Protein backbone atom coordinates (compact mmCIF):
# COMPACT_ATOMS: atom_id res chain seq x y z
CA MET A 1 39.43 24.13 63.55
CA PHE A 2 40.25 20.60 62.48
CA ARG A 3 37.84 18.79 64.77
CA LYS A 4 35.02 16.32 64.74
CA SER A 5 31.58 17.85 64.61
CA PHE A 6 30.29 18.45 68.14
CA SER A 7 26.66 18.42 67.01
CA GLN A 8 24.28 15.89 68.46
CA ASN A 9 22.36 15.43 65.20
CA VAL A 10 20.53 12.18 64.59
CA PHE A 11 22.17 10.48 61.63
CA LEU A 12 19.44 9.23 59.30
CA GLY A 13 19.28 6.51 56.72
CA ALA A 14 21.50 4.12 54.83
CA LEU A 15 21.16 3.81 51.10
CA ILE A 16 23.72 1.06 50.70
CA VAL A 17 22.63 -1.41 53.35
CA ALA A 18 20.30 -3.18 50.95
CA VAL A 19 23.21 -4.02 48.68
CA GLY A 20 25.37 -4.76 51.70
CA CYS A 21 22.82 -7.28 52.84
CA THR A 22 23.01 -9.16 49.57
CA VAL A 23 26.68 -9.89 50.20
CA SER A 24 26.38 -10.39 53.95
CA CYS A 25 23.07 -12.16 54.52
CA LYS A 26 24.16 -15.47 53.09
CA LYS A 27 26.56 -17.83 54.81
CA SER A 28 29.88 -17.90 52.89
CA LYS A 29 31.60 -21.22 52.37
CA THR A 30 34.97 -19.49 52.35
CA GLU A 31 34.31 -17.36 55.42
CA PRO A 32 33.49 -19.49 58.48
CA ASP A 33 32.86 -16.37 60.53
CA ALA A 34 30.49 -14.79 58.01
CA VAL A 35 27.21 -13.53 59.47
CA VAL A 36 23.79 -15.10 58.93
CA GLU A 37 21.63 -11.99 59.06
CA SER A 38 18.35 -13.72 59.91
CA ASN A 39 16.80 -10.70 61.61
CA LEU A 40 17.27 -8.61 58.49
CA LEU A 41 15.48 -11.22 56.42
CA GLN A 42 12.69 -11.71 58.94
CA THR A 43 12.02 -8.04 59.61
CA PRO A 44 12.49 -6.04 56.41
CA THR A 45 12.07 -2.31 56.86
CA LYS A 46 12.22 0.98 55.02
CA ASP A 47 13.01 2.88 58.21
CA ARG A 48 16.19 4.76 57.30
CA SER A 49 17.38 5.03 60.89
CA LEU A 50 17.17 1.25 61.34
CA LEU A 51 18.91 0.63 58.03
CA THR A 52 21.71 2.96 59.11
CA LYS A 53 22.18 0.94 62.29
CA ASP A 54 22.32 -2.25 60.25
CA SER A 55 24.91 -0.72 57.91
CA ILE A 56 27.15 0.40 60.77
CA PHE A 57 27.26 -3.13 62.12
CA LEU A 58 27.71 -4.84 58.74
CA TYR A 59 30.65 -2.65 57.77
CA ALA A 60 32.28 -3.14 61.15
CA LYS A 61 31.83 -6.89 60.96
CA GLN A 62 34.01 -7.01 57.85
CA THR A 63 36.38 -4.02 58.16
CA TYR A 64 36.74 -3.12 61.88
CA PHE A 65 40.33 -3.56 63.07
CA TRP A 66 39.08 -5.62 66.03
CA ASN A 67 36.42 -7.55 64.09
CA VAL A 68 37.80 -10.95 65.11
CA GLY A 69 35.53 -12.13 67.91
CA MET A 70 32.72 -9.70 67.14
CA PRO A 71 29.26 -11.20 67.76
CA ASN A 72 26.96 -11.99 64.85
CA TYR A 73 24.10 -9.74 63.86
CA ASP A 74 21.44 -11.55 65.94
CA THR A 75 23.55 -11.40 69.07
CA PHE A 76 24.63 -7.79 68.65
CA ASN A 77 21.24 -6.61 67.33
CA PRO A 78 22.19 -3.08 66.20
CA ARG A 79 18.54 -2.00 66.07
CA GLN A 80 18.25 -2.26 69.86
CA TYR A 81 20.45 0.82 70.36
CA SER A 82 18.92 4.24 70.86
CA SER A 83 21.36 6.01 68.54
CA ASN A 84 24.22 5.45 66.11
CA ASN A 85 26.64 6.80 68.69
CA ALA A 86 25.38 4.16 71.12
CA ILE A 87 26.33 1.48 68.57
CA ILE A 88 29.82 2.97 68.30
CA ALA A 89 30.08 2.95 72.10
CA ALA A 90 29.09 -0.74 72.06
CA PHE A 91 31.85 -1.48 69.54
CA LYS A 92 34.40 0.18 71.80
CA ALA A 93 33.22 -1.92 74.74
CA LEU A 94 33.63 -5.25 72.90
CA PRO A 95 36.15 -7.62 74.53
CA SER A 96 37.88 -8.03 71.15
CA THR A 97 39.17 -4.42 71.29
CA GLY A 98 41.04 -4.94 74.54
CA GLY A 99 39.87 -1.46 75.51
CA LYS A 100 42.02 0.07 72.73
CA ASP A 101 39.31 1.70 70.63
CA LYS A 102 38.99 5.36 71.56
CA TYR A 103 38.84 6.42 67.94
CA SER A 104 35.60 5.35 66.18
CA PHE A 105 32.98 7.97 65.38
CA ILE A 106 30.33 9.09 62.90
CA ASP A 107 30.67 12.45 61.18
CA ASP A 108 28.41 14.68 59.10
CA GLY A 109 31.11 15.41 56.51
CA SER A 110 32.95 18.07 58.51
CA VAL A 111 36.12 15.99 58.83
CA ALA A 112 36.39 15.42 55.07
CA SER A 113 35.96 19.14 54.46
CA GLN A 114 38.52 20.16 57.08
CA LEU A 115 40.95 17.48 55.91
CA SER A 116 41.08 19.32 52.60
CA GLY A 117 41.98 22.55 54.41
CA ALA A 118 38.56 24.18 54.53
CA GLY A 119 37.82 25.68 57.94
CA GLU A 120 34.19 26.39 58.78
CA ASP A 121 34.18 27.56 62.40
CA TYR A 122 35.70 30.28 64.62
CA GLY A 123 39.28 29.18 64.07
CA PHE A 124 40.59 28.94 67.64
CA SER A 125 40.79 26.61 70.63
CA ALA A 126 41.31 27.01 74.39
CA ASN A 127 42.66 25.14 77.42
CA PHE A 128 43.26 25.71 81.11
CA ASP A 129 46.86 26.60 81.94
CA ALA A 130 48.93 25.54 84.94
CA SER A 131 47.45 28.41 86.96
CA ASP A 132 43.89 27.24 86.25
CA LEU A 133 43.20 30.10 83.83
CA LEU A 134 41.42 29.52 80.52
CA ARG A 135 43.69 30.65 77.69
CA VAL A 136 43.66 30.55 73.90
CA THR A 137 45.89 27.73 72.67
CA TYR A 138 46.07 28.64 68.98
CA VAL A 139 44.38 30.74 66.30
CA TYR A 140 44.40 29.91 62.59
CA PRO A 141 45.64 32.78 60.39
CA GLY A 142 42.81 34.33 58.39
CA SER A 143 40.12 32.72 60.53
CA PRO A 144 37.23 34.70 62.08
CA ALA A 145 39.03 34.64 65.45
CA ASP A 146 42.22 35.97 63.87
CA GLN A 147 40.29 38.77 62.18
CA GLN A 148 38.95 39.80 65.60
CA GLY A 149 42.48 40.00 67.01
CA LEU A 150 42.45 36.86 69.19
CA LYS A 151 45.95 35.56 69.98
CA ARG A 152 47.50 32.52 71.65
CA GLY A 153 47.86 33.09 75.39
CA TYR A 154 44.99 35.55 75.79
CA GLN A 155 43.02 34.78 78.97
CA LEU A 156 39.31 34.19 78.40
CA THR A 157 37.23 35.58 81.28
CA LYS A 158 33.71 35.20 79.82
CA VAL A 159 32.30 33.06 77.03
CA ASN A 160 28.77 33.78 75.83
CA GLY A 161 28.16 35.51 79.13
CA GLY A 162 29.20 32.48 81.19
CA GLY A 163 32.16 31.99 83.48
CA THR A 164 35.39 30.10 82.83
CA SER A 165 35.93 28.15 86.03
CA ARG A 166 37.52 24.76 85.62
CA SER A 167 35.78 23.47 88.75
CA SER A 168 32.28 24.47 87.57
CA SER A 169 30.43 21.82 85.57
CA THR A 170 28.06 24.55 84.36
CA ASP A 171 30.97 26.57 82.99
CA ILE A 172 32.53 23.51 81.34
CA SER A 173 29.24 22.65 79.66
CA ASN A 174 28.89 26.22 78.44
CA LEU A 175 32.45 26.26 77.09
CA ASN A 176 31.84 23.01 75.21
CA ALA A 177 28.60 24.24 73.71
CA SER A 178 29.95 27.71 72.92
CA ILE A 179 33.48 27.17 71.61
CA PHE A 180 33.06 23.71 70.13
CA GLY A 181 29.37 23.70 69.22
CA ASP A 182 27.50 24.86 66.13
CA ASN A 183 26.37 28.33 67.19
CA PRO A 184 26.61 30.98 64.43
CA SER A 185 28.54 33.33 66.73
CA ILE A 186 30.32 33.52 70.07
CA SER A 187 30.93 36.44 72.43
CA LEU A 188 34.22 36.57 74.31
CA SER A 189 35.72 38.72 77.04
CA PHE A 190 39.48 38.35 77.35
CA LEU A 191 42.58 39.86 78.91
CA LYS A 192 45.64 40.62 76.82
CA PRO A 193 49.19 40.43 78.21
CA GLY A 194 49.55 43.52 80.37
CA GLY A 195 45.97 43.32 81.64
CA THR A 196 44.05 45.19 78.91
CA SER A 197 40.52 43.77 78.56
CA GLN A 198 38.47 43.49 75.39
CA ASP A 199 35.05 42.18 74.36
CA VAL A 200 34.44 40.75 70.89
CA VAL A 201 31.80 38.83 68.97
CA ILE A 202 33.15 36.28 66.51
CA ASN A 203 30.92 35.00 63.72
CA ARG A 204 31.43 31.51 62.40
CA GLY A 205 32.88 31.61 58.89
CA SER A 206 34.81 29.84 56.16
CA TYR A 207 38.58 30.17 55.77
CA ASN A 208 41.54 28.26 54.38
CA ILE A 209 43.44 26.30 57.02
CA ASN A 210 47.17 26.97 56.92
CA PRO A 211 48.53 24.32 59.30
CA VAL A 212 51.93 26.03 59.61
CA LEU A 213 51.21 28.43 62.47
CA PHE A 214 54.79 29.63 62.94
CA SER A 215 58.35 28.94 61.77
CA ASN A 216 61.72 30.45 62.65
CA THR A 217 65.43 29.73 62.81
CA TYR A 218 67.45 30.12 66.02
CA THR A 219 71.20 30.34 66.53
CA VAL A 220 72.56 28.21 69.37
CA GLY A 221 76.33 28.57 69.54
CA ALA A 222 77.51 27.60 66.08
CA LYS A 223 74.30 25.70 65.30
CA LYS A 224 71.21 26.75 63.38
CA ILE A 225 68.00 25.28 64.82
CA GLY A 226 64.81 25.29 62.78
CA TYR A 227 61.41 25.52 64.49
CA ILE A 228 58.01 24.86 62.92
CA VAL A 229 54.54 24.71 64.49
CA PHE A 230 52.42 22.27 62.47
CA ASN A 231 48.82 22.02 63.63
CA SER A 232 47.04 19.54 61.32
CA PHE A 233 47.90 17.17 58.49
CA THR A 234 45.62 18.70 55.87
CA THR A 235 45.93 17.65 52.25
CA ASN A 236 46.73 21.24 51.21
CA ALA A 237 49.84 21.53 53.41
CA SER A 238 52.59 20.79 50.88
CA THR A 239 53.14 24.37 49.68
CA ALA A 240 53.52 25.79 53.18
CA LEU A 241 55.77 22.92 54.32
CA ASP A 242 58.00 23.18 51.25
CA ALA A 243 58.38 26.93 51.78
CA ALA A 244 59.34 26.50 55.45
CA PHE A 245 61.93 23.82 54.64
CA THR A 246 63.38 25.84 51.78
CA LYS A 247 64.02 28.62 54.31
CA PHE A 248 65.57 26.12 56.74
CA THR A 249 67.89 24.95 53.96
CA THR A 250 68.92 28.51 53.18
CA ASP A 251 69.54 29.16 56.87
CA GLY A 252 71.80 26.11 57.18
CA VAL A 253 69.67 24.34 59.78
CA THR A 254 71.24 21.18 61.27
CA GLU A 255 68.70 20.47 64.04
CA LEU A 256 64.94 20.80 63.90
CA VAL A 257 62.12 21.39 66.41
CA VAL A 258 58.69 20.23 65.21
CA ASP A 259 55.84 21.51 67.39
CA LEU A 260 52.92 19.05 67.23
CA ARG A 261 51.42 19.80 70.64
CA TYR A 262 47.83 20.27 69.34
CA ASN A 263 48.10 18.20 66.15
CA GLY A 264 45.60 15.34 66.23
CA GLY A 265 46.52 14.02 62.80
CA GLY A 266 44.90 13.91 59.39
CA SER A 267 46.21 12.80 56.03
CA VAL A 268 48.58 9.82 55.83
CA ALA A 269 49.98 11.19 52.56
CA THR A 270 50.85 14.51 54.23
CA SER A 271 52.58 12.66 57.06
CA GLU A 272 54.69 10.83 54.47
CA LEU A 273 55.53 14.10 52.75
CA PHE A 274 56.65 15.64 56.05
CA THR A 275 58.71 12.54 56.85
CA ASN A 276 60.54 12.83 53.53
CA LEU A 277 61.33 16.51 54.15
CA ILE A 278 63.16 15.52 57.35
CA ALA A 279 64.63 12.09 56.56
CA PRO A 280 68.25 11.74 55.41
CA PRO A 281 68.79 10.95 51.70
CA ALA A 282 70.68 7.80 52.70
CA GLN A 283 67.28 6.25 53.55
CA ASN A 284 65.97 6.58 49.99
CA GLY A 285 64.40 3.32 48.81
CA LYS A 286 64.37 1.79 52.29
CA ILE A 287 61.11 0.92 54.03
CA MET A 288 59.48 3.83 55.85
CA TYR A 289 56.50 1.93 57.26
CA THR A 290 54.10 -0.92 56.54
CA THR A 291 50.30 -0.75 56.66
CA TYR A 292 48.55 -3.80 58.14
CA TRP A 293 44.85 -3.91 57.27
CA THR A 294 42.38 -6.27 58.91
CA LYS A 295 42.85 -9.92 57.97
CA THR A 296 39.36 -9.92 56.44
CA MET A 297 40.45 -7.15 54.07
CA GLN A 298 43.87 -8.71 53.40
CA ASP A 299 42.20 -12.00 52.44
CA GLY A 300 39.78 -10.29 50.06
CA ASN A 301 36.73 -11.20 52.13
CA ALA A 302 35.45 -7.71 52.96
CA THR A 303 32.87 -8.01 50.20
CA ILE A 304 30.67 -5.27 51.64
CA LEU A 305 33.24 -2.76 50.35
CA GLN A 306 31.83 -3.42 46.87
CA ASN A 307 29.17 -0.88 47.82
CA GLN A 308 31.65 1.99 48.27
CA LYS A 309 31.86 3.13 44.62
CA PHE A 310 34.01 5.76 42.89
CA TYR A 311 35.49 6.55 39.47
CA ALA A 312 39.27 6.21 39.03
CA LYS A 313 41.97 5.38 36.51
CA GLY A 314 42.88 1.72 36.60
CA ASN A 315 46.32 0.18 36.17
CA ASP A 316 45.76 0.41 32.42
CA GLY A 317 45.07 4.16 32.59
CA VAL A 318 41.38 3.78 31.75
CA THR A 319 38.82 5.57 33.95
CA ARG A 320 36.04 3.32 35.13
CA LEU A 321 33.81 2.65 38.14
CA TYR A 322 35.61 0.92 41.02
CA SER A 323 34.87 0.09 44.64
CA TYR A 324 37.02 -0.17 47.76
CA PHE A 325 36.80 -3.93 47.31
CA ASP A 326 38.99 -3.61 44.20
CA TYR A 327 41.99 -2.45 46.25
CA SER A 328 44.70 -4.81 47.50
CA TYR A 329 45.13 -4.76 51.27
CA LYS A 330 48.07 -7.15 51.58
CA PRO A 331 51.02 -5.77 53.65
CA THR A 332 53.44 -5.85 50.72
CA MET A 333 55.24 -3.34 48.52
CA ALA A 334 53.58 -4.80 45.41
CA ALA A 335 50.18 -4.08 46.95
CA GLY A 336 51.18 -0.51 47.79
CA ASN A 337 51.08 -1.05 51.54
CA GLN A 338 54.80 -0.71 52.20
CA GLU A 339 56.03 2.85 51.78
CA THR A 340 59.68 3.66 51.11
CA PHE A 341 61.64 6.83 51.84
CA ALA A 342 61.97 9.30 48.97
CA LYS A 343 63.84 12.45 50.02
CA ARG A 344 61.93 15.68 49.42
CA GLY A 345 63.61 19.08 49.30
CA ALA A 346 67.24 19.95 49.89
CA LEU A 347 67.47 20.02 53.70
CA ASN A 348 70.18 17.41 54.27
CA GLY A 349 72.40 16.67 57.22
CA LEU A 350 69.89 16.98 60.05
CA THR A 351 71.45 15.37 63.11
CA ARG A 352 68.55 15.58 65.55
CA VAL A 353 64.80 16.30 65.62
CA TYR A 354 62.92 17.43 68.72
CA PHE A 355 59.16 16.88 68.77
CA LEU A 356 57.04 19.00 71.13
CA VAL A 357 54.03 16.89 72.08
CA THR A 358 51.04 16.65 74.44
CA ARG A 359 48.10 14.35 75.01
CA SER A 360 46.52 16.04 71.97
CA THR A 361 49.33 14.83 69.69
CA ALA A 362 47.90 11.87 67.81
CA SER A 363 47.74 9.60 64.82
CA ALA A 364 49.40 11.09 61.70
CA SER A 365 51.62 13.09 64.11
CA GLU A 366 52.66 9.88 65.83
CA LEU A 367 53.17 8.24 62.42
CA LEU A 368 55.65 11.01 61.52
CA ILE A 369 57.54 10.48 64.79
CA ASN A 370 57.51 6.69 64.49
CA ASN A 371 58.76 6.81 60.89
CA LEU A 372 61.80 8.85 61.91
CA LYS A 373 62.78 7.12 65.15
CA PRO A 374 64.85 4.39 63.43
CA VAL A 375 66.73 6.81 61.16
CA LEU A 376 67.45 9.93 63.25
CA ASP A 377 68.18 11.04 66.79
CA VAL A 378 64.63 11.84 67.94
CA LYS A 379 63.77 13.55 71.25
CA LEU A 380 60.22 14.00 72.60
CA ILE A 381 59.49 16.95 74.89
CA GLY A 382 56.18 17.61 76.67
CA LYS A 383 53.63 15.00 77.72
CA THR A 384 52.86 11.42 76.67
CA THR A 385 51.08 11.47 73.32
CA TYR A 386 47.52 10.29 72.65
CA GLY A 387 48.35 6.81 71.34
CA LYS A 388 46.78 6.04 67.96
CA PRO A 389 48.78 3.69 65.72
CA VAL A 390 45.64 2.79 63.78
CA GLY A 391 43.83 4.61 60.99
CA PHE A 392 40.87 4.48 58.63
CA PHE A 393 39.17 5.69 55.49
CA SER A 394 35.63 7.02 55.62
CA ILE A 395 32.71 4.73 54.83
CA ARG A 396 29.80 6.67 53.38
CA ILE A 397 26.42 5.70 54.83
CA ASP A 398 23.61 7.82 53.41
CA LYS A 399 24.57 11.40 54.34
CA ASN A 400 27.25 10.60 56.90
CA ASP A 401 30.75 9.17 57.19
CA LEU A 402 31.60 6.21 59.41
CA TYR A 403 35.17 6.19 60.75
CA ILE A 404 36.26 2.93 62.36
CA PRO A 405 39.92 1.77 62.56
CA GLN A 406 40.84 -0.56 59.72
CA PHE A 407 44.66 -0.61 59.70
CA GLN A 408 47.76 -0.28 61.86
CA THR A 409 51.14 1.14 60.80
CA LYS A 410 54.61 -0.03 61.88
CA ASN A 411 57.99 1.50 61.03
CA GLN A 412 60.95 -0.19 59.34
CA LEU A 413 61.83 -1.91 62.64
CA ASP A 414 58.25 -3.22 62.87
CA GLN A 415 57.54 -0.91 65.83
CA GLY A 416 54.05 0.52 66.25
CA GLU A 417 52.35 -0.67 69.43
CA TYR A 418 52.03 2.76 71.04
CA PHE A 419 48.35 2.45 71.98
CA ALA A 420 49.16 3.94 75.40
CA GLY A 421 50.94 6.87 73.76
CA MET A 422 54.58 7.70 73.15
CA THR A 423 56.49 8.55 76.31
CA VAL A 424 58.61 11.69 76.36
CA ASP A 425 62.30 12.18 77.02
CA LYS A 426 61.57 15.35 78.99
CA ASP A 427 58.30 15.88 80.87
CA VAL A 428 57.22 19.51 80.46
CA ALA A 429 53.82 21.18 80.91
CA ASP A 430 52.32 23.19 78.06
CA ASP A 431 53.19 26.86 78.62
CA LEU A 432 50.15 28.85 77.49
CA THR A 433 51.51 32.16 78.78
CA LYS A 434 54.02 32.38 75.92
CA ASP A 435 53.42 32.70 72.19
CA PHE A 436 54.76 30.18 69.68
CA GLY A 437 58.43 30.82 69.02
CA ASP A 438 59.22 32.59 72.29
CA PRO A 439 62.60 31.09 73.34
CA SER A 440 61.46 31.20 76.99
CA GLU A 441 58.36 29.06 76.28
CA LYS A 442 59.06 25.95 78.33
CA MET A 443 58.90 23.25 75.67
CA LEU A 444 60.90 25.17 73.07
CA ALA A 445 63.34 26.30 75.77
CA GLN A 446 64.10 22.67 76.62
CA ALA A 447 64.89 21.85 72.98
CA LEU A 448 67.20 24.86 72.67
CA TYR A 449 68.84 24.00 76.00
CA TYR A 450 69.47 20.41 74.89
CA SER A 451 70.98 21.63 71.62
CA ALA A 452 73.45 23.80 73.55
CA ASN A 453 74.24 21.37 76.40
CA ASN A 454 73.42 17.88 75.08
CA ASN A 455 71.10 17.33 78.05
CA PHE A 456 67.85 18.72 79.40
CA SER A 457 67.44 21.40 82.04
CA ALA A 458 66.46 19.96 85.43
CA LEU A 459 64.51 23.00 86.64
CA ALA A 460 61.33 21.90 88.44
CA LYS A 461 59.48 25.00 87.27
CA ASP A 462 59.69 23.70 83.70
CA ASN A 463 56.97 21.18 84.50
CA THR A 464 54.60 22.98 86.87
CA LEU A 465 54.16 26.21 88.77
CA SER A 466 55.16 26.03 92.42
CA SER A 467 51.62 26.99 93.46
CA THR A 468 50.07 24.09 91.52
CA SER A 469 50.06 20.74 93.31
CA GLY A 470 50.18 17.43 91.47
CA ALA A 471 46.56 16.73 92.38
CA VAL A 472 45.38 20.08 91.00
CA ARG A 473 47.44 19.50 87.85
CA GLN A 474 45.57 16.22 87.32
CA GLN A 475 42.25 18.03 87.75
CA ILE A 476 43.31 20.66 85.21
CA ASP A 477 44.35 17.93 82.76
CA ALA A 478 40.98 16.21 83.27
CA ALA A 479 39.14 19.47 82.54
CA ASN A 480 41.20 19.99 79.40
CA GLU A 481 40.29 16.51 78.21
CA LYS A 482 36.63 17.56 78.43
CA LEU A 483 37.44 20.52 76.19
CA ASP A 484 39.44 18.45 73.72
CA HIS A 485 37.23 17.97 70.66
CA GLY A 486 40.15 18.01 68.25
CA PHE A 487 40.07 15.42 65.51
CA LYS A 488 42.21 12.39 66.35
CA GLY A 489 42.78 10.42 63.19
CA MET A 490 45.02 9.02 60.51
CA VAL A 491 43.01 9.07 57.29
CA GLU A 492 44.17 6.99 54.33
CA THR A 493 44.51 9.54 51.53
CA ARG A 494 47.15 7.79 49.43
CA LYS A 495 46.28 6.29 46.05
CA LEU A 496 45.97 2.61 46.93
CA ARG A 497 46.75 0.03 44.28
CA PHE A 498 44.14 -2.06 42.55
CA LYS A 499 44.34 -5.84 42.67
């Protein structure tokens, strides 16, 4: 699954902090807020764990989206923290963030691998449904879970011998460690629709992530409605997306349902590609969105990025060694930070797009929605989204990747302040008892109903079961948040322009 590593490994070392110190330890005449790193000079060390902590702070000081108002090195003292994760937690608690940072993390390389479409786990996820039963939310085709016959909607009754009670902290801990941990295998007992039980052991394995979990075309009166379940913005998604939209074109689709209910984001470039498959050709050449990097980066003062090296072709076509410092971060078209629409495929004439969303819908998913809101009739069905209008690229520190927000995106109307999430037009609970594509599944049913009637169904049962009170629903949602280890991110994968 496309998720952050759940391991609690200690992240060791930082090979680049020594170079970083050479550009950060001296007071800059052009940067009044530059850091005087006196502690680094007074207490040199070869302790890799301490150097890693220094590096995390130094990179944040110059590239963190909320770096204005950050304390200097002496005041923050990164070496005082017991772990790298504790430093990240301290960043999130800084007054300068306004409580908005719920995104920063350190990864062992798993995200980069999964972003490319390489799955290395069981290939499924699970949540509690409205009846308080633990059910499978999705299964990636070709994954170990798929090979063992696991399907969306199956009720899990035992996991590694433990129970599946939402109200049991022991069970929740076991579910986290078992489903989302690093164990080589997992044993499951589950009930299929109809009540048949089965026990399986699933071994962790490698597989190719196909983010298109399902697609179909429905007939509503005289209309053709396309439906696609897209689960992650991997960089290998173009072939599957193009194929789905070619079929929609052949079918004569005029309205589209995009199911992003578990999609936490991924590649910015893939989000652009998806946008251009949906957007009307009349938007070609007009601004899609603008990327606003930190002012430190825009002004060319994030000198520590000189240490993030790579080989690339320059503007003259010659391959040479560059660094992230060589990119332009100004919010202009000339700098490559204003994207324009460029129609992809032949699906023209879409009049409306319905997005099925939940609290797990984040980042590159929200970018897709935000890009299209000014140019199409967009309806959101489900629950308020996660709220992540900011993104990042990975900063390599020794053997690990640091992800801290560095930019914010805004659409052609300069809209992009959805830190609290995008509110929905129709509030509907996730219906885990139905498979993707079932017309009676509550979210999809609302989209099809609106297409036929130009309004939403007002049935109370569409949002919750009669036996589930509002208070219990909140408890179920809280338990699901504890099980939500899905990656939430918008990773800059475009080819940025050199200065």
